[in-house]
Amino acid sequence: MTPESKIEIAQRTSEALRRRDLDALGELLAPDCEIVPIRADVEQTVFRGPDALSRFFAATDEAWESITAESESRREGPDWVLGFGRIRARGRESGAELDVPAAAVYRFRDGLITAIRVYTNRADALADLGLAPEGDPA
């Protein structure tokens, strides 16, 4: 059996997050995984530790009436996966619509994801990985 690529693990993680499948996520995320959602730039929100997922889902429900993420492309590095896509959401209280290009950086250690960080500026995600902006397929 061929070991899963980091891209496959990142894809499975994205799907499990959409389904809120805590059992699947428990197999994919390191116990000390850090989740830095789209709101982090505004609210300095970071979720860490054993209850990170439950706090992340509660904060998502509080902030957004609906939220979807679409994947456009992914690429793999030595200990990371970079994904480009779009995030569409509607604010729970404001009703404001959000439709933005996005990027996610998944960091790995020993086959598990140790961090997921979402960016609304793809250049910031590239910079996080030390990649040149011209690598952006957008």
N, C-alpha and C. Protein backbone atom coordinates (compact mmCIF):
# COMPACT_ATOMS: atom_id res chain seq x y z
N MET A 1 0.85 -1.19 0.00
CA MET A 1 0.00 0.00 0.00
C MET A 1 0.89 1.25 0.00
N THR A 2 0.61 2.16 -0.89
CA THR A 2 1.37 3.40 -1.01
C THR A 2 0.93 4.38 0.08
N PRO A 3 1.89 5.00 0.77
CA PRO A 3 1.48 6.00 1.78
C PRO A 3 0.79 7.18 1.13
N GLU A 4 -0.13 7.76 1.88
CA GLU A 4 -0.85 8.93 1.38
C GLU A 4 0.08 10.11 1.23
N SER A 5 -0.12 10.89 0.18
CA SER A 5 0.63 12.13 0.03
C SER A 5 0.07 13.17 0.99
N LYS A 6 0.85 14.18 1.25
CA LYS A 6 0.37 15.28 2.09
C LYS A 6 -0.85 15.95 1.44
N ILE A 7 -0.88 16.02 0.12
CA ILE A 7 -2.03 16.61 -0.57
C ILE A 7 -3.29 15.79 -0.28
N GLU A 8 -3.18 14.48 -0.30
CA GLU A 8 -4.34 13.63 -0.01
C GLU A 8 -4.80 13.82 1.43
N ILE A 9 -3.86 13.93 2.35
CA ILE A 9 -4.20 14.15 3.76
C ILE A 9 -4.89 15.50 3.93
N ALA A 10 -4.37 16.55 3.27
CA ALA A 10 -4.99 17.88 3.35
C ALA A 10 -6.40 17.84 2.77
N GLN A 11 -6.59 17.13 1.67
CA GLN A 11 -7.93 17.00 1.06
C GLN A 11 -8.88 16.29 2.02
N ARG A 12 -8.43 15.19 2.62
CA ARG A 12 -9.27 14.46 3.58
C ARG A 12 -9.62 15.34 4.78
N THR A 13 -8.65 16.16 5.19
CA THR A 13 -8.89 17.07 6.32
C THR A 13 -9.94 18.10 5.96
N SER A 14 -9.83 18.70 4.78
CA SER A 14 -10.82 19.68 4.32
C SER A 14 -12.23 19.07 4.29
N GLU A 15 -12.32 17.86 3.77
CA GLU A 15 -13.62 17.18 3.71
C GLU A 15 -14.16 16.89 5.10
N ALA A 16 -13.30 16.44 6.01
CA ALA A 16 -13.72 16.15 7.38
C ALA A 16 -14.14 17.42 8.11
N LEU A 17 -13.46 18.53 7.85
CA LEU A 17 -13.87 19.81 8.45
C LEU A 17 -15.26 20.20 7.94
N ARG A 18 -15.50 20.04 6.64
CA ARG A 18 -16.83 20.37 6.09
C ARG A 18 -17.92 19.53 6.76
N ARG A 19 -17.61 18.25 7.00
CA ARG A 19 -18.59 17.34 7.61
C ARG A 19 -18.62 17.45 9.14
N ARG A 20 -17.62 18.15 9.68
CA ARG A 20 -17.45 18.23 11.14
C ARG A 20 -17.27 16.84 11.74
N ASP A 21 -16.49 16.04 11.08
CA ASP A 21 -16.24 14.66 11.46
C ASP A 21 -15.05 14.62 12.43
N LEU A 22 -15.36 14.68 13.72
CA LEU A 22 -14.31 14.74 14.73
C LEU A 22 -13.48 13.46 14.77
N ASP A 23 -14.09 12.31 14.49
CA ASP A 23 -13.32 11.06 14.49
C ASP A 23 -12.27 11.08 13.39
N ALA A 24 -12.67 11.47 12.18
CA ALA A 24 -11.72 11.54 11.06
C ALA A 24 -10.64 12.58 11.35
N LEU A 25 -11.03 13.73 11.88
CA LEU A 25 -10.06 14.78 12.18
C LEU A 25 -9.07 14.34 13.25
N GLY A 26 -9.54 13.53 14.20
CA GLY A 26 -8.66 13.02 15.24
C GLY A 26 -7.54 12.16 14.69
N GLU A 27 -7.78 11.54 13.54
CA GLU A 27 -6.76 10.71 12.90
C GLU A 27 -5.82 11.52 12.00
N LEU A 28 -6.22 12.72 11.63
CA LEU A 28 -5.46 13.53 10.67
C LEU A 28 -4.67 14.67 11.31
N LEU A 29 -5.14 15.17 12.45
CA LEU A 29 -4.53 16.33 13.09
C LEU A 29 -3.70 15.90 14.30
N ALA A 30 -2.55 16.51 14.45
CA ALA A 30 -1.73 16.29 15.64
C ALA A 30 -2.49 16.82 16.86
N PRO A 31 -2.28 16.22 18.04
CA PRO A 31 -2.99 16.68 19.24
C PRO A 31 -2.75 18.16 19.55
N ASP A 32 -1.60 18.69 19.15
CA ASP A 32 -1.29 20.10 19.42
C ASP A 32 -1.55 20.98 18.21
N CYS A 33 -2.39 20.52 17.29
CA CYS A 33 -2.66 21.27 16.05
C CYS A 33 -3.19 22.67 16.36
N GLU A 34 -2.75 23.61 15.55
CA GLU A 34 -3.17 25.01 15.66
C GLU A 34 -4.02 25.34 14.45
N ILE A 35 -5.20 25.93 14.68
CA ILE A 35 -6.10 26.33 13.61
C ILE A 35 -6.21 27.85 13.63
N VAL A 36 -5.84 28.47 12.51
CA VAL A 36 -5.88 29.93 12.39
C VAL A 36 -6.88 30.24 11.26
N PRO A 37 -8.13 30.59 11.61
CA PRO A 37 -9.17 30.76 10.60
C PRO A 37 -9.09 32.10 9.89
N ILE A 38 -10.00 32.29 8.97
CA ILE A 38 -10.07 33.51 8.16
C ILE A 38 -10.21 34.75 9.05
N ARG A 39 -10.84 34.65 10.20
CA ARG A 39 -11.07 35.79 11.09
C ARG A 39 -9.83 36.20 11.88
N ALA A 40 -8.77 35.44 11.80
CA ALA A 40 -7.59 35.69 12.64
C ALA A 40 -6.99 37.07 12.43
N ASP A 41 -7.00 37.55 11.19
CA ASP A 41 -6.41 38.87 10.93
C ASP A 41 -7.15 39.98 11.65
N VAL A 42 -8.46 39.82 11.80
CA VAL A 42 -9.27 40.85 12.45
C VAL A 42 -9.33 40.66 13.96
N GLU A 43 -9.53 39.43 14.38
CA GLU A 43 -9.78 39.16 15.80
C GLU A 43 -8.63 38.48 16.53
N GLN A 44 -7.51 38.22 15.84
CA GLN A 44 -6.39 37.51 16.45
C GLN A 44 -6.83 36.16 17.01
N THR A 45 -7.75 35.51 16.31
CA THR A 45 -8.30 34.24 16.75
C THR A 45 -7.41 33.08 16.32
N VAL A 46 -6.97 32.29 17.30
CA VAL A 46 -6.19 31.09 17.04
C VAL A 46 -6.73 30.01 17.98
N PHE A 47 -6.93 28.81 17.45
CA PHE A 47 -7.43 27.71 18.26
C PHE A 47 -6.33 26.66 18.38
N ARG A 48 -6.01 26.29 19.64
CA ARG A 48 -4.95 25.32 19.91
C ARG A 48 -5.42 24.34 20.97
N GLY A 49 -4.80 23.18 20.96
CA GLY A 49 -5.00 22.23 22.04
C GLY A 49 -6.12 21.25 21.80
N PRO A 50 -6.41 20.45 22.82
CA PRO A 50 -7.34 19.34 22.66
C PRO A 50 -8.77 19.76 22.31
N ASP A 51 -9.18 20.95 22.73
CA ASP A 51 -10.55 21.39 22.43
C ASP A 51 -10.59 22.40 21.28
N ALA A 52 -9.51 22.48 20.51
CA ALA A 52 -9.42 23.46 19.41
C ALA A 52 -10.55 23.29 18.41
N LEU A 53 -10.85 22.06 18.04
CA LEU A 53 -11.89 21.85 17.02
C LEU A 53 -13.26 22.28 17.52
N SER A 54 -13.61 21.92 18.74
CA SER A 54 -14.94 22.30 19.24
C SER A 54 -15.05 23.82 19.36
N ARG A 55 -13.98 24.48 19.81
CA ARG A 55 -14.00 25.95 19.89
C ARG A 55 -14.05 26.58 18.50
N PHE A 56 -13.32 26.00 17.54
CA PHE A 56 -13.34 26.49 16.16
C PHE A 56 -14.74 26.38 15.58
N PHE A 57 -15.39 25.23 15.73
CA PHE A 57 -16.74 25.05 15.19
C PHE A 57 -17.74 25.99 15.87
N ALA A 58 -17.62 26.18 17.17
CA ALA A 58 -18.53 27.10 17.89
C ALA A 58 -18.33 28.53 17.40
N ALA A 59 -17.10 28.95 17.22
CA ALA A 59 -16.83 30.32 16.73
C ALA A 59 -17.33 30.49 15.30
N THR A 60 -17.19 29.46 14.48
CA THR A 60 -17.68 29.52 13.11
C THR A 60 -19.19 29.68 13.11
N ASP A 61 -19.88 28.89 13.93
CA ASP A 61 -21.34 28.98 14.00
C ASP A 61 -21.80 30.35 14.50
N GLU A 62 -21.03 30.92 15.43
CA GLU A 62 -21.38 32.23 15.98
C GLU A 62 -21.21 33.34 14.94
N ALA A 63 -20.18 33.25 14.13
CA ALA A 63 -19.85 34.33 13.20
C ALA A 63 -20.59 34.24 11.87
N TRP A 64 -20.82 33.02 11.38
CA TRP A 64 -21.31 32.83 10.02
C TRP A 64 -22.64 32.10 9.98
N GLU A 65 -23.56 32.65 9.21
CA GLU A 65 -24.82 31.95 8.94
C GLU A 65 -24.54 30.77 8.01
N SER A 66 -23.68 31.02 7.04
CA SER A 66 -23.24 29.96 6.13
C SER A 66 -21.81 30.27 5.71
N ILE A 67 -21.05 29.20 5.45
CA ILE A 67 -19.69 29.37 4.96
C ILE A 67 -19.31 28.13 4.15
N THR A 68 -18.73 28.37 2.98
CA THR A 68 -18.25 27.27 2.14
C THR A 68 -16.87 27.64 1.62
N ALA A 69 -16.08 26.61 1.41
CA ALA A 69 -14.75 26.79 0.84
C ALA A 69 -14.65 25.88 -0.38
N GLU A 70 -14.18 26.46 -1.47
CA GLU A 70 -13.98 25.70 -2.70
C GLU A 70 -12.49 25.64 -3.00
N SER A 71 -12.03 24.45 -3.34
CA SER A 71 -10.62 24.25 -3.66
C SER A 71 -10.41 24.38 -5.16
N GLU A 72 -9.37 25.11 -5.54
CA GLU A 72 -9.00 25.26 -6.95
C GLU A 72 -7.75 24.48 -7.28
N SER A 73 -6.75 24.53 -6.39
CA SER A 73 -5.49 23.82 -6.65
C SER A 73 -4.75 23.63 -5.33
N ARG A 74 -3.85 22.65 -5.35
CA ARG A 74 -3.00 22.39 -4.18
C ARG A 74 -1.61 22.06 -4.68
N ARG A 75 -0.62 22.42 -3.88
CA ARG A 75 0.75 22.00 -4.15
C ARG A 75 1.43 21.63 -2.85
N GLU A 76 2.43 20.78 -2.98
CA GLU A 76 3.05 20.15 -1.82
C GLU A 76 4.51 20.55 -1.70
N GLY A 77 4.94 20.79 -0.47
CA GLY A 77 6.34 21.05 -0.17
C GLY A 77 6.84 20.01 0.81
N PRO A 78 8.04 20.21 1.32
CA PRO A 78 8.64 19.20 2.19
C PRO A 78 7.84 18.91 3.46
N ASP A 79 7.25 19.94 4.07
CA ASP A 79 6.46 19.74 5.29
C ASP A 79 5.19 20.58 5.27
N TRP A 80 4.68 20.83 4.08
CA TRP A 80 3.49 21.68 3.95
C TRP A 80 2.72 21.33 2.68
N VAL A 81 1.44 21.79 2.70
CA VAL A 81 0.59 21.81 1.50
C VAL A 81 0.00 23.21 1.44
N LEU A 82 -0.02 23.76 0.24
CA LEU A 82 -0.63 25.07 -0.01
C LEU A 82 -1.83 24.84 -0.90
N GLY A 83 -2.97 25.33 -0.48
CA GLY A 83 -4.18 25.21 -1.27
C GLY A 83 -4.72 26.58 -1.63
N PHE A 84 -5.14 26.73 -2.88
CA PHE A 84 -5.81 27.96 -3.33
C PHE A 84 -7.27 27.64 -3.59
N GLY A 85 -8.15 28.60 -3.30
CA GLY A 85 -9.57 28.41 -3.54
C GLY A 85 -10.33 29.69 -3.28
N ARG A 86 -11.61 29.55 -2.94
CA ARG A 86 -12.47 30.68 -2.63
C ARG A 86 -13.25 30.36 -1.36
N ILE A 87 -13.53 31.40 -0.61
CA ILE A 87 -14.41 31.29 0.55
C ILE A 87 -15.62 32.17 0.30
N ARG A 88 -16.78 31.57 0.49
CA ARG A 88 -18.04 32.30 0.39
C ARG A 88 -18.77 32.14 1.73
N ALA A 89 -19.25 33.26 2.25
CA ALA A 89 -19.91 33.21 3.56
C ALA A 89 -20.92 34.34 3.67
N ARG A 90 -21.80 34.17 4.67
CA ARG A 90 -22.76 35.23 5.03
C ARG A 90 -22.66 35.41 6.54
N GLY A 91 -22.43 36.65 6.96
CA GLY A 91 -22.32 36.96 8.38
C GLY A 91 -23.61 36.68 9.11
N ARG A 92 -23.52 36.07 10.27
CA ARG A 92 -24.72 35.72 11.04
C ARG A 92 -25.51 36.96 11.47
N GLU A 93 -24.84 37.94 12.03
CA GLU A 93 -25.56 39.12 12.51
C GLU A 93 -25.72 40.17 11.43
N SER A 94 -24.69 40.39 10.65
CA SER A 94 -24.72 41.47 9.66
C SER A 94 -25.42 41.08 8.37
N GLY A 95 -25.41 39.79 8.06
CA GLY A 95 -25.95 39.35 6.78
C GLY A 95 -25.03 39.69 5.62
N ALA A 96 -23.88 40.27 5.92
CA ALA A 96 -22.94 40.68 4.87
C ALA A 96 -22.42 39.44 4.13
N GLU A 97 -22.31 39.59 2.82
CA GLU A 97 -21.81 38.52 1.97
C GLU A 97 -20.29 38.64 1.83
N LEU A 98 -19.63 37.51 1.85
CA LEU A 98 -18.18 37.45 1.65
C LEU A 98 -17.94 36.47 0.51
N ASP A 99 -17.15 36.89 -0.46
CA ASP A 99 -16.75 36.03 -1.58
C ASP A 99 -15.34 36.46 -1.93
N VAL A 100 -14.36 35.71 -1.42
CA VAL A 100 -12.97 36.13 -1.56
C VAL A 100 -12.09 34.97 -2.00
N PRO A 101 -11.03 35.31 -2.77
CA PRO A 101 -10.02 34.28 -3.02
C PRO A 101 -9.33 33.99 -1.69
N ALA A 102 -8.91 32.75 -1.53
CA ALA A 102 -8.30 32.36 -0.27
C ALA A 102 -7.17 31.37 -0.51
N ALA A 103 -6.38 31.21 0.52
CA ALA A 103 -5.32 30.21 0.51
C ALA A 103 -5.27 29.59 1.89
N ALA A 104 -4.86 28.33 1.93
CA ALA A 104 -4.69 27.64 3.21
C ALA A 104 -3.33 26.96 3.20
N VAL A 105 -2.63 27.10 4.31
CA VAL A 105 -1.35 26.42 4.49
C VAL A 105 -1.55 25.36 5.56
N TYR A 106 -1.25 24.13 5.19
CA TYR A 106 -1.30 22.99 6.10
C TYR A 106 0.14 22.61 6.41
N ARG A 107 0.51 22.59 7.68
CA ARG A 107 1.86 22.19 8.09
C ARG A 107 1.81 20.76 8.64
N PHE A 108 2.88 20.00 8.39
CA PHE A 108 2.91 18.59 8.76
C PHE A 108 4.11 18.24 9.63
N ARG A 109 3.88 17.22 10.48
CA ARG A 109 4.95 16.59 11.24
C ARG A 109 4.54 15.13 11.43
N ASP A 110 5.42 14.23 11.07
CA ASP A 110 5.18 12.79 11.25
C ASP A 110 3.86 12.34 10.64
N GLY A 111 3.51 12.87 9.47
CA GLY A 111 2.30 12.44 8.76
C GLY A 111 1.01 13.04 9.27
N LEU A 112 1.08 13.91 10.28
CA LEU A 112 -0.11 14.57 10.82
C LEU A 112 -0.04 16.07 10.58
N ILE A 113 -1.20 16.69 10.50
CA ILE A 113 -1.25 18.14 10.32
C ILE A 113 -1.07 18.81 11.68
N THR A 114 -0.12 19.71 11.75
CA THR A 114 0.17 20.43 13.00
C THR A 114 -0.39 21.84 13.01
N ALA A 115 -0.73 22.36 11.83
CA ALA A 115 -1.29 23.72 11.75
C ALA A 115 -2.06 23.87 10.44
N ILE A 116 -3.16 24.61 10.53
CA ILE A 116 -3.93 25.03 9.36
C ILE A 116 -4.11 26.53 9.50
N ARG A 117 -3.65 27.27 8.52
CA ARG A 117 -3.82 28.72 8.54
C ARG A 117 -4.48 29.16 7.24
N VAL A 118 -5.55 29.93 7.36
CA VAL A 118 -6.31 30.41 6.20
C VAL A 118 -5.99 31.88 5.97
N TYR A 119 -5.77 32.22 4.72
CA TYR A 119 -5.45 33.60 4.32
C TYR A 119 -6.46 34.07 3.27
N THR A 120 -6.81 35.35 3.34
CA THR A 120 -7.61 35.94 2.25
C THR A 120 -6.71 36.61 1.23
N ASN A 121 -5.45 36.76 1.56
CA ASN A 121 -4.47 37.31 0.63
C ASN A 121 -3.50 36.18 0.27
N ARG A 122 -3.59 35.71 -0.96
CA ARG A 122 -2.77 34.58 -1.39
C ARG A 122 -1.28 34.89 -1.31
N ALA A 123 -0.90 36.14 -1.53
CA ALA A 123 0.52 36.52 -1.44
C ALA A 123 1.05 36.29 -0.02
N ASP A 124 0.20 36.51 1.00
CA ASP A 124 0.62 36.26 2.38
C ASP A 124 0.90 34.77 2.62
N ALA A 125 0.07 33.91 2.03
CA ALA A 125 0.29 32.47 2.17
C ALA A 125 1.60 32.06 1.50
N LEU A 126 1.85 32.61 0.32
CA LEU A 126 3.10 32.32 -0.38
C LEU A 126 4.29 32.80 0.44
N ALA A 127 4.18 34.00 1.01
CA ALA A 127 5.26 34.56 1.83
C ALA A 127 5.49 33.70 3.07
N ASP A 128 4.43 33.18 3.67
CA ASP A 128 4.53 32.31 4.84
C ASP A 128 5.42 31.10 4.53
N LEU A 129 5.36 30.64 3.29
CA LEU A 129 6.13 29.47 2.88
C LEU A 129 7.46 29.83 2.21
N GLY A 130 7.75 31.14 2.13
CA GLY A 130 8.98 31.58 1.48
C GLY A 130 8.96 31.42 -0.02
N LEU A 131 7.76 31.46 -0.61
CA LEU A 131 7.60 31.30 -2.07
C LEU A 131 7.39 32.66 -2.72
N ALA A 132 7.82 32.77 -3.95
CA ALA A 132 7.67 34.02 -4.70
C ALA A 132 6.22 34.22 -5.11
N PRO A 133 5.74 35.46 -5.11
CA PRO A 133 4.36 35.75 -5.50
C PRO A 133 3.98 35.27 -6.89
N GLU A 134 4.95 35.20 -7.81
CA GLU A 134 4.59 34.77 -9.16
C GLU A 134 4.13 33.32 -9.20
N GLY A 135 4.26 32.58 -8.10
CA GLY A 135 3.77 31.21 -8.05
C GLY A 135 2.27 31.12 -7.89
N ASP A 136 1.61 32.26 -7.69
CA ASP A 136 0.17 32.29 -7.51
C ASP A 136 -0.53 32.02 -8.84
N PRO A 137 -1.33 30.92 -8.92
CA PRO A 137 -1.99 30.61 -10.18
C PRO A 137 -3.20 31.46 -10.46
N ALA A 138 -3.58 32.34 -9.55
CA ALA A 138 -4.79 33.15 -9.76
C ALA A 138 -4.59 34.06 -10.85
